[in-house]
Amino acid sequence: MTQEEMEALTLEQALDNVDTTLEKLAEDIPLEQSFALYKEGMELLKYCDEKLKKVEQQVMVLNEEGELNEFQ
């Protein structure tokens, strides 16, 4: 999966792809293919982590004293 294809995914789609990758890794597949799937899965997880961090930052708001608080 290219970087552009990955960036076009929603968080839910990326997590679904992680699940699919894990299912494929559980199958009896050649070692080279398992390495490629593992790499793709790790890239997807990194992408998901970055997306979640961005959402978390958006949920934080500044209070009157200039401190960050969670959005409530």
C-alpha atoms as a PDB file:
ATOM      1  CA  MET A   1       0.000   0.000   0.000  1.00  0.00           C
ATOM      2  CA  THR A   2       1.400   3.360  -0.971  1.00  0.00           C
ATOM      3  CA  GLN A   3       1.550   6.334   1.385  1.00  0.00           C
ATOM      4  CA  GLU A   4      -1.114   8.108  -0.674  1.00  0.00           C
ATOM      5  CA  GLU A   5      -3.446   5.100  -0.454  1.00  0.00           C
ATOM      6  CA  MET A   6      -2.905   4.876   3.290  1.00  0.00           C
ATOM      7  CA  GLU A   7      -3.579   8.588   3.829  1.00  0.00           C
ATOM      8  CA  ALA A   8      -6.856   8.237   1.933  1.00  0.00           C
ATOM      9  CA  LEU A   9      -8.097   5.714   4.518  1.00  0.00           C
ATOM     10  CA  THR A  10     -10.300   6.635   7.421  1.00  0.00           C
ATOM     11  CA  LEU A  11      -9.222   5.412  10.833  1.00  0.00           C
ATOM     12  CA  GLU A  12     -11.898   2.722  10.713  1.00  0.00           C
ATOM     13  CA  GLN A  13     -10.746   1.512   7.294  1.00  0.00           C
ATOM     14  CA  ALA A  14      -7.119   1.401   8.452  1.00  0.00           C
ATOM     15  CA  LEU A  15      -8.097  -0.639  11.528  1.00  0.00           C
ATOM     16  CA  ASP A  16     -10.104  -3.009   9.320  1.00  0.00           C
ATOM     17  CA  ASN A  17      -6.999  -3.436   7.166  1.00  0.00           C
ATOM     18  CA  VAL A  18      -4.977  -4.250  10.294  1.00  0.00           C
ATOM     19  CA  ASP A  19      -7.539  -6.940  11.179  1.00  0.00           C
ATOM     20  CA  THR A  20      -7.354  -8.358   7.658  1.00  0.00           C
ATOM     21  CA  THR A  21      -3.560  -8.376   7.806  1.00  0.00           C
ATOM     22  CA  LEU A  22      -3.636 -10.234  11.130  1.00  0.00           C
ATOM     23  CA  GLU A  23      -6.008 -12.834   9.695  1.00  0.00           C
ATOM     24  CA  LYS A  24      -3.662 -13.385   6.734  1.00  0.00           C
ATOM     25  CA  LEU A  25      -0.671 -13.702   9.079  1.00  0.00           C
ATOM     26  CA  ALA A  26      -2.500 -16.459  10.968  1.00  0.00           C
ATOM     27  CA  GLU A  27      -2.666 -18.528   7.772  1.00  0.00           C
ATOM     28  CA  ASP A  28       0.030 -20.870   6.538  1.00  0.00           C
ATOM     29  CA  ILE A  29       1.860 -18.532   4.156  1.00  0.00           C
ATOM     30  CA  PRO A  30       5.427 -18.295   2.840  1.00  0.00           C
ATOM     31  CA  LEU A  31       7.931 -16.538   5.068  1.00  0.00           C
ATOM     32  CA  GLU A  32       8.559 -13.727   2.582  1.00  0.00           C
ATOM     33  CA  GLN A  33       4.852 -12.985   2.385  1.00  0.00           C
ATOM     34  CA  SER A  34       4.552 -12.976   6.178  1.00  0.00           C
ATOM     35  CA  PHE A  35       7.385 -10.418   6.413  1.00  0.00           C
ATOM     36  CA  ALA A  36       5.669  -8.193   3.844  1.00  0.00           C
ATOM     37  CA  LEU A  37       2.348  -8.457   5.693  1.00  0.00           C
ATOM     38  CA  TYR A  38       4.046  -7.731   9.011  1.00  0.00           C
ATOM     39  CA  LYS A  39       5.653  -4.604   7.543  1.00  0.00           C
ATOM     40  CA  GLU A  40       2.350  -3.436   6.094  1.00  0.00           C
ATOM     41  CA  GLY A  41       0.591  -4.073   9.400  1.00  0.00           C
ATOM     42  CA  MET A  42       3.185  -2.081  11.321  1.00  0.00           C
ATOM     43  CA  GLU A  43       2.857   0.813   8.874  1.00  0.00           C
ATOM     44  CA  LEU A  44      -0.921   0.730   9.283  1.00  0.00           C
ATOM     45  CA  LEU A  45      -0.602   0.713  13.072  1.00  0.00           C
ATOM     46  CA  LYS A  46       1.753   3.688  12.939  1.00  0.00           C
ATOM     47  CA  TYR A  47      -0.722   5.509  10.704  1.00  0.00           C
ATOM     48  CA  CYS A  48      -3.577   4.719  13.118  1.00  0.00           C
ATOM     49  CA  ASP A  49      -1.522   5.947  16.064  1.00  0.00           C
ATOM     50  CA  GLU A  50      -0.788   9.225  14.288  1.00  0.00           C
ATOM     51  CA  LYS A  51      -4.470   9.678  13.403  1.00  0.00           C
ATOM     52  CA  LEU A  52      -5.503   9.044  17.008  1.00  0.00           C
ATOM     53  CA  LYS A  53      -2.941  11.546  18.297  1.00  0.00           C
ATOM     54  CA  LYS A  54      -4.286  14.191  15.908  1.00  0.00           C
ATOM     55  CA  VAL A  55      -7.828  13.582  17.126  1.00  0.00           C
ATOM     56  CA  GLU A  56      -6.649  13.744  20.730  1.00  0.00           C
ATOM     57  CA  GLN A  57      -4.982  17.095  20.065  1.00  0.00           C
ATOM     58  CA  GLN A  58      -8.161  18.425  18.500  1.00  0.00           C
ATOM     59  CA  VAL A  59     -10.129  17.419  21.587  1.00  0.00           C
ATOM     60  CA  MET A  60      -7.841  19.438  23.844  1.00  0.00           C
ATOM     61  CA  VAL A  61      -8.900  23.071  24.373  1.00  0.00           C
ATOM     62  CA  LEU A  62      -7.290  26.027  26.070  1.00  0.00           C
ATOM     63  CA  ASN A  63      -8.910  27.321  29.248  1.00  0.00           C
ATOM     64  CA  GLU A  64      -8.931  30.973  30.313  1.00  0.00           C
ATOM     65  CA  GLU A  65      -5.503  30.614  31.978  1.00  0.00           C
ATOM     66  CA  GLY A  66      -3.955  29.253  28.788  1.00  0.00           C
ATOM     67  CA  GLU A  67      -3.785  25.665  30.069  1.00  0.00           C
ATOM     68  CA  LEU A  68      -4.851  22.681  27.991  1.00  0.00           C
ATOM     69  CA  ASN A  69      -7.899  20.806  29.193  1.00  0.00           C
ATOM     70  CA  GLU A  70      -9.846  17.949  27.714  1.00  0.00           C
ATOM     71  CA  PHE A  71     -12.946  18.941  25.805  1.00  0.00           C
ATOM     72  CA  GLN A  72     -16.049  18.175  27.874  1.00  0.00           C
END
